[in-house]
Amino acid sequence: LSVREECAEDPSQSDETEAEMSPPKSPSTPKNVKSKNSEFSLFSFNNGMVVSSCRELDNNRSALSAASAFAIATAGANEGTPTKEKYRRMSLASTGFPTDQRNGDKEFVIRRAATNRVLNVLRHWVSKHAQDFELNTELKMRVIGFLEEVMHDPELLTQERKAAANIIRTLTQEDPGDNQVTLEEITQMAMEDCKTEPFDSHSALEIAEQLTLLDHLVFKVIPYEEFFGQGWMKNDKNERTPYIMKTTKHFNDISNRIATEILQWDDVNMRVAVIEKWVAVADICRCLHNYNAMLEITSSLNRSSIFRLKKTWLKVSKQTKTVIDKLQKLVSSEGRFKNLREALKNCDPPCVPYLGMYLTDLAFIEEGTPNYTEDNLVNFSKMRMISHIIREIRQFQQTAYKIDYQPKV
């Protein structure tokens, strides 16, 4: 403990007088300094140092008593430099701060903390799980009503008011989504106008872009509720997981379509040209992060009806075969899709992952991990693993491609 004196004394005083006025020094007891007009002790706490001054106080300036200052000083000496919050609490206690006012401040802080937590939960819910409010209008209106009621609180802080307003704005604004076209509109146009140009009249880039747009539209509408309970493996899977089953059907339809495009030609050279074009489409899909289309194309090329075309494959260029090997290695199921997982980890949305990989992970977790622990408690470790997978799927669902729909393709 360091003690420093700042006394405005008459320079004509002798050393003897000064010695008489100063009490014996003590390392643990602050000094009492006398002035001509009054005797008082003023201590200010600064980084573990007690500073005493004998300057007169203004009428509007408050001072701590010597006992309270000594308590603060010794607390700082024993516990190191106290934080500002600890010093504030000690100061309030030593100056006789009213107990009811201290309790009022505590209740205010608790209310503010609770409000912040509620707003954070609602913000996360609205931003990450918007489908809940799109499908349930009553839930949406109740949340908006609750937030409007919160905003009428006179004690609400400015940042809390802004947070509540932002959540209401997110709930009430229209989601543009894929403003170019929806999956329903594509289906309707396909039924009304079946006039499409032949495959060889379109470039590989056009086909890859339209295939990517269609794959993402099918993938993004899958609600996260369908990923629970392995509903896609049950007997009533079409009723429990209709969107997952539509995604599976879409994958098989595209794969069948590719095989048909190759086998419809009797001429070997035409078959070679179609194969090389579809390989180019798959490579462009890789650049567009459409790994689902890559698997659609590579799985089609690996079908027995295509793989057995020995004369056709003899004429396929080495460059095309090299690209095929690279694509198949990327989407290979070896090591639980090790290469594909690494590619997904390093890519930024928009992206269309292979849904079958995630369904395999969810089935593995559901079958290998119990819902309850040995103590009959909910197995939160299992729930976190499932949540992590669904969160990754939702991340890819929420970012759309900026691709215009071309009906002729």
Protein backbone atom coordinates (compact mmCIF):
# COMPACT_ATOMS: atom_id res chain seq x y z
CA LEU A 1 0.00 0.00 0.00
CA SER A 2 1.45 3.29 -1.10
CA VAL A 3 0.48 6.44 0.73
CA ARG A 4 1.18 9.90 -0.68
CA GLU A 5 0.52 13.31 0.97
CA GLU A 6 -0.47 16.45 -0.86
CA CYS A 7 -0.76 19.18 1.74
CA ALA A 8 -1.02 22.88 0.97
CA GLU A 9 1.08 24.09 3.90
CA ASP A 10 2.70 27.42 4.76
CA PRO A 11 6.34 27.31 3.64
CA SER A 12 7.34 29.27 6.77
CA GLN A 13 6.41 26.36 9.06
CA SER A 14 9.36 24.72 10.75
CA ASP A 15 10.32 21.09 10.50
CA GLU A 16 9.45 20.68 14.16
CA THR A 17 5.84 21.82 13.62
CA GLU A 18 5.48 19.47 10.69
CA ALA A 19 6.82 16.60 12.71
CA GLU A 20 4.36 17.33 15.53
CA MET A 21 1.37 17.30 13.14
CA SER A 22 2.34 14.03 11.46
CA PRO A 23 1.49 10.80 13.31
CA PRO A 24 3.84 7.83 13.18
CA LYS A 25 3.86 6.14 9.77
CA SER A 26 2.16 2.76 9.43
CA PRO A 27 2.17 0.55 6.35
CA SER A 28 -1.46 -0.43 6.91
CA THR A 29 -3.02 2.72 8.41
CA PRO A 30 -3.70 5.85 6.31
CA LYS A 31 -2.61 9.24 7.59
CA ASN A 32 -4.89 11.84 9.15
CA VAL A 33 -3.84 15.22 7.90
CA LYS A 34 -4.84 18.43 9.69
CA SER A 35 -5.60 21.68 7.95
CA LYS A 36 -5.81 25.15 9.35
CA ASN A 37 -9.58 25.39 9.06
CA SER A 38 -10.68 21.76 9.31
CA GLU A 39 -9.52 18.25 9.90
CA PHE A 40 -10.61 15.64 7.41
CA SER A 41 -9.32 12.75 5.40
CA LEU A 42 -9.97 12.35 1.67
CA PHE A 43 -8.86 9.14 -0.07
CA SER A 44 -9.12 8.36 -3.76
CA PHE A 45 -8.43 4.88 -5.10
CA ASN A 46 -6.20 4.63 -8.18
CA ASN A 47 -4.62 1.33 -9.26
CA GLY A 48 -3.98 0.07 -5.74
CA MET A 49 -2.82 3.52 -4.42
CA VAL A 50 -4.64 5.57 -1.79
CA VAL A 51 -4.12 9.30 -2.32
CA SER A 52 -4.85 11.60 0.64
CA SER A 53 -5.42 15.32 0.15
CA CYS A 54 -6.09 18.17 2.54
CA ARG A 55 -7.65 20.48 -0.06
CA GLU A 56 -11.09 21.71 0.94
CA LEU A 57 -14.01 20.00 -0.74
CA ASP A 58 -16.63 21.84 -2.74
CA ASN A 59 -20.18 21.71 -1.43
CA ASN A 60 -21.36 19.49 -4.29
CA ARG A 61 -18.46 17.03 -4.02
CA SER A 62 -18.84 13.90 -1.88
CA ALA A 63 -16.08 12.26 0.10
CA LEU A 64 -15.60 8.79 1.51
CA SER A 65 -15.00 8.38 5.20
CA ALA A 66 -11.55 7.36 6.36
CA ALA A 67 -12.84 3.96 7.44
CA SER A 68 -14.47 3.23 4.08
CA ALA A 69 -11.43 4.43 2.17
CA PHE A 70 -9.22 2.24 4.32
CA ALA A 71 -11.49 -0.75 3.60
CA ILE A 72 -11.23 -0.13 -0.15
CA ALA A 73 -7.48 0.33 0.09
CA THR A 74 -6.89 -2.86 2.04
CA ALA A 75 -9.19 -4.78 -0.32
CA GLY A 76 -7.08 -3.59 -3.22
CA ALA A 77 -3.87 -4.52 -1.42
CA ASN A 78 -5.06 -8.02 -0.59
CA GLU A 79 -6.80 -8.90 -3.89
CA GLY A 80 -4.81 -6.93 -6.43
CA THR A 81 -6.26 -4.13 -8.51
CA PRO A 82 -10.06 -4.39 -8.32
CA THR A 83 -12.23 -4.06 -11.37
CA LYS A 84 -14.39 -1.00 -11.94
CA GLU A 85 -17.51 -2.97 -11.09
CA LYS A 86 -16.06 -4.18 -7.77
CA TYR A 87 -14.96 -0.63 -6.89
CA ARG A 88 -18.43 0.68 -7.73
CA ARG A 89 -20.06 -1.88 -5.43
CA MET A 90 -17.67 -1.06 -2.59
CA SER A 91 -18.22 2.66 -3.08
CA LEU A 92 -22.02 2.32 -3.03
CA ALA A 93 -21.90 0.19 0.09
CA SER A 94 -19.54 2.55 1.91
CA THR A 95 -21.48 5.73 1.11
CA GLY A 96 -24.71 4.36 2.48
CA PHE A 97 -26.41 3.70 -0.89
CA PRO A 98 -30.05 2.77 -0.18
CA THR A 99 -30.71 -0.97 -0.14
CA ASP A 100 -33.96 -0.72 -2.12
CA GLN A 101 -32.22 1.28 -4.83
CA ARG A 102 -29.44 -1.31 -5.06
CA ASN A 103 -32.05 -4.07 -5.36
CA GLY A 104 -33.87 -2.03 -8.01
CA ASP A 105 -30.70 -1.81 -10.10
CA LYS A 106 -30.22 -5.56 -9.77
CA GLU A 107 -33.76 -6.26 -10.95
CA PHE A 108 -33.28 -3.89 -13.88
CA VAL A 109 -30.13 -5.71 -14.98
CA ILE A 110 -31.91 -9.08 -14.71
CA ARG A 111 -34.83 -7.82 -16.82
CA ARG A 112 -32.49 -6.49 -19.49
CA ALA A 113 -30.54 -9.76 -19.61
CA ALA A 114 -33.76 -11.77 -19.93
CA THR A 115 -35.04 -9.49 -22.71
CA ASN A 116 -31.78 -9.85 -24.63
CA ARG A 117 -31.90 -13.63 -24.41
CA VAL A 118 -35.49 -13.78 -25.64
CA LEU A 119 -34.71 -11.45 -28.56
CA ASN A 120 -31.64 -13.50 -29.50
CA VAL A 121 -33.66 -16.73 -29.52
CA LEU A 122 -36.36 -15.16 -31.69
CA ARG A 123 -33.80 -13.65 -34.07
CA HIS A 124 -32.12 -17.05 -34.52
CA TRP A 125 -35.48 -18.77 -34.95
CA VAL A 126 -36.71 -16.31 -37.59
CA SER A 127 -33.44 -16.17 -39.55
CA LYS A 128 -32.52 -19.86 -39.50
CA HIS A 129 -35.95 -21.52 -39.56
CA ALA A 130 -38.11 -19.22 -41.67
CA GLN A 131 -40.18 -22.19 -42.88
CA ASP A 132 -41.86 -22.43 -39.47
CA PHE A 133 -43.44 -19.02 -40.00
CA GLU A 134 -44.18 -19.48 -43.70
CA LEU A 135 -46.24 -22.58 -42.99
CA ASN A 136 -47.92 -21.34 -39.78
CA THR A 137 -49.57 -17.94 -40.08
CA GLU A 138 -50.94 -18.07 -36.52
CA LEU A 139 -47.44 -18.57 -35.09
CA LYS A 140 -46.14 -15.68 -37.20
CA MET A 141 -48.85 -13.27 -35.98
CA ARG A 142 -48.39 -14.28 -32.33
CA VAL A 143 -44.65 -13.62 -32.50
CA ILE A 144 -45.23 -10.24 -34.15
CA GLY A 145 -47.82 -9.34 -31.48
CA PHE A 146 -45.41 -10.34 -28.72
CA LEU A 147 -42.61 -8.21 -30.18
CA GLU A 148 -44.90 -5.20 -30.57
CA GLU A 149 -45.87 -5.57 -26.91
CA VAL A 150 -42.19 -5.72 -25.94
CA MET A 151 -41.47 -2.53 -27.89
CA HIS A 152 -44.01 -0.63 -25.76
CA ASP A 153 -41.92 -1.27 -22.64
CA PRO A 154 -40.70 2.18 -21.44
CA GLU A 155 -37.55 0.65 -19.94
CA LEU A 156 -36.51 -0.97 -23.25
CA LEU A 157 -33.02 0.06 -24.32
CA THR A 158 -32.36 1.51 -27.77
CA GLN A 159 -30.49 -1.52 -29.08
CA GLU A 160 -33.23 -3.84 -27.80
CA ARG A 161 -35.88 -1.77 -29.53
CA LYS A 162 -33.90 -1.94 -32.79
CA ALA A 163 -33.46 -5.70 -32.45
CA ALA A 164 -37.20 -6.23 -31.97
CA ALA A 165 -37.98 -3.97 -34.95
CA ASN A 166 -35.55 -5.91 -37.16
CA ILE A 167 -37.20 -9.22 -36.25
CA ILE A 168 -40.64 -7.81 -37.08
CA ARG A 169 -39.30 -6.48 -40.38
CA THR A 170 -37.89 -9.91 -41.25
CA LEU A 171 -41.23 -11.58 -40.48
CA THR A 172 -43.34 -9.11 -42.45
CA GLN A 173 -41.19 -8.65 -45.55
CA GLU A 174 -41.74 -10.82 -48.57
CA ASP A 175 -39.02 -13.39 -49.23
CA PRO A 176 -37.88 -12.98 -52.83
CA GLY A 177 -36.26 -16.43 -52.94
CA ASP A 178 -35.78 -17.59 -56.51
CA ASN A 179 -37.66 -14.70 -58.07
CA GLN A 180 -36.88 -16.04 -61.55
CA VAL A 181 -39.08 -19.10 -61.32
CA THR A 182 -40.44 -21.69 -58.91
CA LEU A 183 -40.56 -25.45 -59.18
CA GLU A 184 -44.34 -25.36 -59.59
CA GLU A 185 -44.07 -22.88 -62.46
CA ILE A 186 -41.52 -25.07 -64.25
CA THR A 187 -43.82 -28.08 -63.91
CA GLN A 188 -46.77 -26.09 -65.20
CA MET A 189 -44.87 -24.76 -68.22
CA ALA A 190 -43.58 -28.23 -69.04
CA MET A 191 -47.14 -29.56 -69.09
CA GLU A 192 -48.48 -26.72 -71.25
CA ASP A 193 -45.62 -26.48 -73.75
CA CYS A 194 -43.73 -29.64 -74.62
CA LYS A 195 -41.82 -28.02 -77.48
CA THR A 196 -38.18 -28.29 -76.50
CA GLU A 197 -35.13 -28.09 -78.68
CA PRO A 198 -33.03 -31.25 -79.18
CA PHE A 199 -30.09 -32.03 -76.93
CA ASP A 200 -27.39 -31.35 -79.50
CA SER A 201 -28.65 -27.80 -80.12
CA HIS A 202 -27.68 -26.61 -76.63
CA SER A 203 -24.22 -25.96 -75.28
CA ALA A 204 -22.84 -27.86 -72.29
CA LEU A 205 -22.90 -24.64 -70.26
CA GLU A 206 -26.62 -24.05 -70.90
CA ILE A 207 -27.49 -27.60 -69.92
CA ALA A 208 -25.34 -27.46 -66.78
CA GLU A 209 -26.90 -24.18 -65.62
CA GLN A 210 -30.48 -25.33 -66.16
CA LEU A 211 -29.77 -28.68 -64.51
CA THR A 212 -28.24 -26.88 -61.53
CA LEU A 213 -31.23 -24.53 -61.22
CA LEU A 214 -33.67 -27.44 -61.34
CA ASP A 215 -31.67 -29.53 -58.83
CA HIS A 216 -31.52 -26.66 -56.34
CA LEU A 217 -35.24 -25.90 -56.65
CA VAL A 218 -36.00 -29.54 -55.82
CA PHE A 219 -33.47 -29.62 -52.98
CA LYS A 220 -34.37 -26.32 -51.27
CA VAL A 221 -38.03 -27.13 -50.60
CA ILE A 222 -37.31 -30.13 -48.37
CA PRO A 223 -38.55 -29.23 -44.86
CA TYR A 224 -36.18 -30.11 -42.04
CA GLU A 225 -38.90 -32.11 -40.24
CA GLU A 226 -38.50 -34.87 -42.81
CA PHE A 227 -34.96 -35.57 -41.64
CA PHE A 228 -36.15 -36.92 -38.28
CA GLY A 229 -36.91 -40.55 -37.50
CA GLN A 230 -35.70 -42.14 -40.78
CA GLY A 231 -39.10 -41.62 -42.34
CA TRP A 232 -37.65 -42.20 -45.83
CA MET A 233 -36.98 -45.84 -44.84
CA LYS A 234 -40.47 -46.63 -43.52
CA ASN A 235 -43.33 -48.33 -45.33
CA ASP A 236 -45.32 -45.08 -45.39
CA LYS A 237 -42.33 -43.04 -46.62
CA ASN A 238 -44.36 -41.28 -49.31
CA GLU A 239 -46.66 -39.83 -46.65
CA ARG A 240 -44.00 -39.11 -44.03
CA THR A 241 -41.28 -37.70 -46.30
CA PRO A 242 -42.88 -36.65 -49.60
CA TYR A 243 -40.19 -34.07 -50.49
CA ILE A 244 -37.30 -36.45 -49.87
CA MET A 245 -39.02 -39.01 -52.07
CA LYS A 246 -39.50 -36.36 -54.78
CA THR A 247 -35.78 -35.59 -54.62
CA THR A 248 -34.95 -39.27 -55.00
CA LYS A 249 -37.35 -39.59 -57.95
CA HIS A 250 -35.83 -36.49 -59.58
CA PHE A 251 -32.34 -37.97 -59.24
CA ASN A 252 -33.43 -41.23 -60.90
CA ASP A 253 -35.35 -39.41 -63.65
CA ILE A 254 -32.33 -37.31 -64.63
CA SER A 255 -30.06 -40.36 -64.59
CA ASN A 256 -32.52 -42.27 -66.80
CA ARG A 257 -32.77 -39.31 -69.15
CA ILE A 258 -29.00 -39.21 -69.63
CA ALA A 259 -28.88 -42.92 -70.39
CA THR A 260 -31.71 -42.50 -72.89
CA GLU A 261 -29.90 -39.67 -74.67
CA ILE A 262 -26.87 -41.92 -75.16
CA LEU A 263 -28.66 -45.12 -76.18
CA GLN A 264 -31.12 -43.54 -78.61
CA TRP A 265 -28.35 -43.23 -81.20
CA ASP A 266 -27.36 -46.25 -83.27
CA ASP A 267 -24.29 -44.56 -84.67
CA VAL A 268 -21.17 -45.08 -82.52
CA ASN A 269 -19.78 -41.63 -83.29
CA MET A 270 -23.00 -39.95 -82.13
CA ARG A 271 -22.91 -41.94 -78.91
CA VAL A 272 -19.32 -40.84 -78.34
CA ALA A 273 -20.29 -37.20 -78.93
CA VAL A 274 -23.19 -37.42 -76.47
CA ILE A 275 -21.03 -39.07 -73.79
CA GLU A 276 -18.31 -36.44 -74.14
CA LYS A 277 -20.91 -33.66 -73.95
CA TRP A 278 -22.44 -35.06 -70.76
CA VAL A 279 -18.98 -35.37 -69.23
CA ALA A 280 -18.42 -31.69 -70.04
CA VAL A 281 -21.76 -30.89 -68.39
CA ALA A 282 -20.68 -32.78 -65.27
CA ASP A 283 -17.38 -30.88 -65.13
CA ILE A 284 -19.22 -27.54 -65.36
CA CYS A 285 -21.57 -28.69 -62.60
CA ARG A 286 -18.49 -29.31 -60.47
CA CYS A 287 -17.50 -25.67 -60.99
CA LEU A 288 -21.07 -24.63 -60.04
CA HIS A 289 -20.84 -26.76 -56.86
CA ASN A 290 -23.67 -28.98 -58.07
CA TYR A 291 -22.40 -32.28 -56.73
CA ASN A 292 -25.83 -33.85 -57.04
CA ALA A 293 -25.76 -33.47 -60.85
CA MET A 294 -22.24 -34.88 -60.93
CA LEU A 295 -23.52 -38.05 -59.31
CA GLU A 296 -26.54 -38.13 -61.61
CA ILE A 297 -24.25 -38.13 -64.64
CA THR A 298 -21.49 -40.42 -63.34
CA SER A 299 -24.00 -42.97 -62.03
CA SER A 300 -25.66 -42.98 -65.44
CA LEU A 301 -22.34 -43.62 -67.18
CA ASN A 302 -21.68 -46.52 -64.80
CA ARG A 303 -24.92 -48.31 -65.67
CA SER A 304 -24.45 -51.68 -67.27
CA SER A 305 -26.35 -50.58 -70.38
CA ILE A 306 -23.80 -47.78 -70.94
CA PHE A 307 -20.70 -49.42 -69.51
CA ARG A 308 -20.94 -52.42 -71.85
CA LEU A 309 -20.69 -50.24 -75.01
CA LYS A 310 -17.11 -51.36 -75.68
CA LYS A 311 -16.86 -49.97 -79.22
CA THR A 312 -18.17 -46.61 -78.05
CA TRP A 313 -15.74 -46.34 -75.13
CA LEU A 314 -12.81 -47.20 -77.38
CA LYS A 315 -13.48 -44.04 -79.36
CA VAL A 316 -13.94 -41.77 -76.33
CA SER A 317 -10.93 -39.44 -76.04
CA LYS A 318 -8.33 -39.90 -73.32
CA GLN A 319 -9.01 -36.39 -72.05
CA THR A 320 -12.67 -37.24 -71.52
CA LYS A 321 -11.77 -40.47 -69.71
CA THR A 322 -9.38 -38.52 -67.46
CA VAL A 323 -12.17 -36.09 -66.54
CA ILE A 324 -14.51 -39.01 -65.82
CA ASP A 325 -11.96 -40.57 -63.48
CA LYS A 326 -11.49 -37.24 -61.67
CA LEU A 327 -15.24 -36.75 -61.24
CA GLN A 328 -15.84 -40.31 -60.06
CA LYS A 329 -13.04 -40.00 -57.55
CA LEU A 330 -14.57 -36.81 -56.16
CA VAL A 331 -18.04 -38.29 -55.62
CA SER A 332 -16.88 -41.78 -54.69
CA SER A 333 -18.56 -43.35 -51.65
CA GLU A 334 -15.24 -44.70 -50.38
CA GLY A 335 -14.37 -43.58 -46.87
CA ARG A 336 -17.93 -42.38 -46.29
CA PHE A 337 -17.67 -39.86 -49.17
CA LYS A 338 -14.39 -38.53 -47.83
CA ASN A 339 -13.50 -36.48 -50.93
CA LEU A 340 -17.01 -35.09 -51.32
CA ARG A 341 -17.11 -34.00 -47.68
CA GLU A 342 -13.82 -32.20 -48.09
CA ALA A 343 -15.13 -30.41 -51.19
CA LEU A 344 -18.31 -29.36 -49.36
CA LYS A 345 -16.26 -28.06 -46.44
CA ASN A 346 -14.21 -25.81 -48.71
CA CYS A 347 -16.99 -24.56 -51.01
CA ASP A 348 -19.18 -21.51 -50.47
CA PRO A 349 -22.93 -21.52 -51.18
CA PRO A 350 -24.82 -21.71 -53.46
CA CYS A 351 -24.33 -25.43 -53.61
CA VAL A 352 -26.35 -28.58 -54.29
CA PRO A 353 -24.92 -31.43 -52.20
CA TYR A 354 -25.70 -35.08 -52.66
CA LEU A 355 -28.63 -35.68 -50.31
CA GLY A 356 -27.99 -39.43 -50.05
CA MET A 357 -24.77 -38.76 -48.11
CA TYR A 358 -26.67 -36.86 -45.40
CA LEU A 359 -29.44 -39.47 -45.25
CA THR A 360 -26.79 -42.15 -44.69
CA ASP A 361 -25.28 -40.11 -41.85
CA LEU A 362 -28.66 -39.59 -40.19
CA ALA A 363 -29.52 -43.30 -40.47
CA PHE A 364 -26.14 -44.21 -38.95
CA ILE A 365 -26.73 -41.88 -35.98
CA GLU A 366 -30.31 -43.04 -35.44
CA GLU A 367 -29.39 -46.72 -35.51
CA GLY A 368 -26.14 -46.53 -33.56
CA THR A 369 -26.99 -44.05 -30.79
CA PRO A 370 -29.85 -44.43 -28.27
CA ASN A 371 -32.30 -41.59 -27.62
CA TYR A 372 -31.79 -41.88 -23.85
CA THR A 373 -28.77 -42.41 -21.65
CA GLU A 374 -28.35 -45.14 -19.02
CA ASP A 375 -29.79 -42.71 -16.46
CA ASN A 376 -32.97 -42.39 -18.58
CA LEU A 377 -32.05 -38.83 -19.61
CA VAL A 378 -32.32 -37.37 -23.09
CA ASN A 379 -29.15 -38.09 -25.07
CA PHE A 380 -28.25 -34.53 -26.07
CA SER A 381 -25.05 -35.73 -27.69
CA LYS A 382 -27.12 -37.56 -30.30
CA MET A 383 -29.41 -34.56 -30.76
CA ARG A 384 -26.42 -32.28 -31.37
CA MET A 385 -25.06 -34.60 -34.07
CA ILE A 386 -28.42 -34.62 -35.84
CA SER A 387 -28.71 -30.86 -35.47
CA HIS A 388 -25.26 -30.35 -36.99
CA ILE A 389 -26.21 -32.31 -40.12
CA ILE A 390 -29.55 -30.54 -40.56
CA ARG A 391 -27.87 -27.15 -40.03
CA GLU A 392 -25.45 -27.89 -42.86
CA ILE A 393 -28.32 -28.91 -45.15
CA ARG A 394 -30.22 -25.73 -44.29
CA GLN A 395 -27.18 -23.64 -45.07
CA PHE A 396 -27.11 -24.95 -48.64
CA GLN A 397 -30.89 -24.64 -49.00
CA GLN A 398 -31.04 -20.96 -48.13
CA THR A 399 -28.65 -19.61 -50.78
CA ALA A 400 -30.15 -19.56 -54.29
CA TYR A 401 -28.44 -19.59 -57.67
CA LYS A 402 -28.73 -16.49 -59.84
CA ILE A 403 -29.62 -18.40 -62.98
CA ASP A 404 -32.45 -17.53 -65.37
CA TYR A 405 -34.79 -20.29 -66.40
CA GLN A 406 -34.68 -21.20 -70.12
CA PRO A 407 -37.90 -23.07 -71.09
CA LYS A 408 -36.44 -24.34 -74.39
CA VAL A 409 -33.72 -26.24 -72.54
